[in-house]
Amino acid sequence: MNVPNKNPDAVAADHGADEFGARWERIRKKLRAELGEETYMSWFASVHLVDCDGARARLSVPTRFLKSWIEEHHFQRLTGHWKVELPSIEKIDLIVRTAVMRSQVADVKAAAPANAGLEGDRFGRRSAIRAGGNLRTDGPGGSPLDARMTFATFIVGRQNGLAHAAAKQVVEAGLGANGAPRFNPLYIHASVGLGKTHLLQATAHAFEAQGKRAIYLTAEKFMYGFVAALKNQSAIAFKEALRGIDALIIDDLQFLQGRAVQQEFCHTLNALTDAGRQVVVAADRPPVELENLEDRVRSRLGGGLTVEVGPMDEELRLNILIARASLLRAEDARFDVPMPVLAHIAAQVTQSGRDLEAAVTRLLHHSQFYKKAVTTELADEVIRDLVRPTDPRRIRVEDILRVVSKHYNVTRADLLSSRRTANVVRPRQIAMYLAKVLTLRSLPEIGRRFGGRDHTTVLHAVRKIEGLVQGDKALAEEIEVLKRMLME
């Protein structure tokens, strides 16, 4: 390929960087396939390739905790993939990029206009840095806050409007000196990439703008901080630091593990809510479905306002793409994405906002590198791996209890009770059977959801229904009807 106005050394360097970047993308795809979407997004989505010289690859992560976790749990897997892709590799270095970003931001901040803003920036990392944005750590032990994730840059749609309104009302309720929390705790749940973290960080920024002390923490950072405090014999200082704030904001609560850690979290939650301090929590499922948490923690979390952020519809995806493309066009006036191309991407890329960000960024890179106009054909080329089959509707045990109780005219309490009457036993067994075949829950998990029953009881119910449907055509058709009702 002819590259005008470049010397041979520069061209060789570009091709080398492009080659290593392609190898890193293949490694990322392997990690996504092996670990699953949620685990990959939690630990590797924010890992970036800094450079590679053939013998050593440097990867950057946003936090020290993420670096430690990958080194402890996934480093051997990561190294193995690199050696397959590049046998000459000798060393993999993980570095924390926060400090590097801060020094870069300091260099440009002085030159940035005083009124440089981030309005309309839904995803734009480079724009945020140029405008003086940076990654910060708020409060004692807080996780990094991204200056770009504010309410002003959040794209609101039908699926996330309720959660967005609730988060803003939580902040507005604390405007007065004696303002009492309106919803406490506020619990937001959604699948990966639908904006939970953006809402939580926007809430933290808004509290900070009021002069209030808000700490944003991931569940892992909370665990790490508590365990480190125990080892350093500073647990009392850790507790006092958290109990002395105005708002505690916890992300990815589904990863909270360990009995002692959960007890401390529950004590902190009780202390803050009883004192009229705000607590905001996000996870990938409702409180009742967090089986790894103790009952009293789930109960406390469910005592406030629980809101769900649903999957993005095509209109919301298109609005996010428009905002992202506008941001990049402000940086490079030559980058023009026709509206039909954005509409095409919105129809094809359906899983998460991160995928939408990646799609537009790739369009920019390909159009600049190959000197091509942005067309639907180019879009199809760059988003190929982002187009995934539409996932079937996620069925929850709560959905099964609701549908079965209504269909058989029994109450949810009946299904969870120890009653052994015929009009309750059969619907209960059918509900357990449906929970086994339609969800990913284990037998012990299903048993806990059905009134704390043993897994052998669930297994008996499943085998019982499996045997009956073989010879009872009416029952088999009835169960198919229930499945269709749950799929709708």
Foldseek 3Di string as FASTA:
>chain_A
DDDPPDDPVVVVVVVVQVLVVVLVVVLLVVCCVVVDPVVSLVQPPQKAWDDDDLAETEIEHADPLSVVCCVVPPPVVSVVSVCVSRVNYHYYHYYHCQVVLVVLLVVQCVVADPPQDLALPQDDPVSCSNNSWGWDAAFPLFDTFTPNLALRNDQDDPQCPVVLVLLVVQLVQVLDVPRFGPWAAEEEAAAPFLQPSSSLSNSCVSCVVSVFGEGEHELSSLVVVCVVCVVVVNNVVVLCRLLPGQEYEYEANLPNADPVSLVSVLVSSVSQVVVRGYYYYYHHDQLVLSVRHDPVSSVNSVPTHYGYRYFDALVSQLSLLVSLQVVVCVVPVVQDADSVLSSLCSVFQGGHSVLSNQLNVVQVVCCVVVVHHDDNVVSCVRCVVRGDPDDFDAFDLVLLLVLLCVVLVHHSVLLLDPDDDPSRVLSNLLSLLCCVPRHPDDLQSSCVVSNNHHSVVSVVSNVVLVVVVVPDVVSVVVSVVSVVVRRD
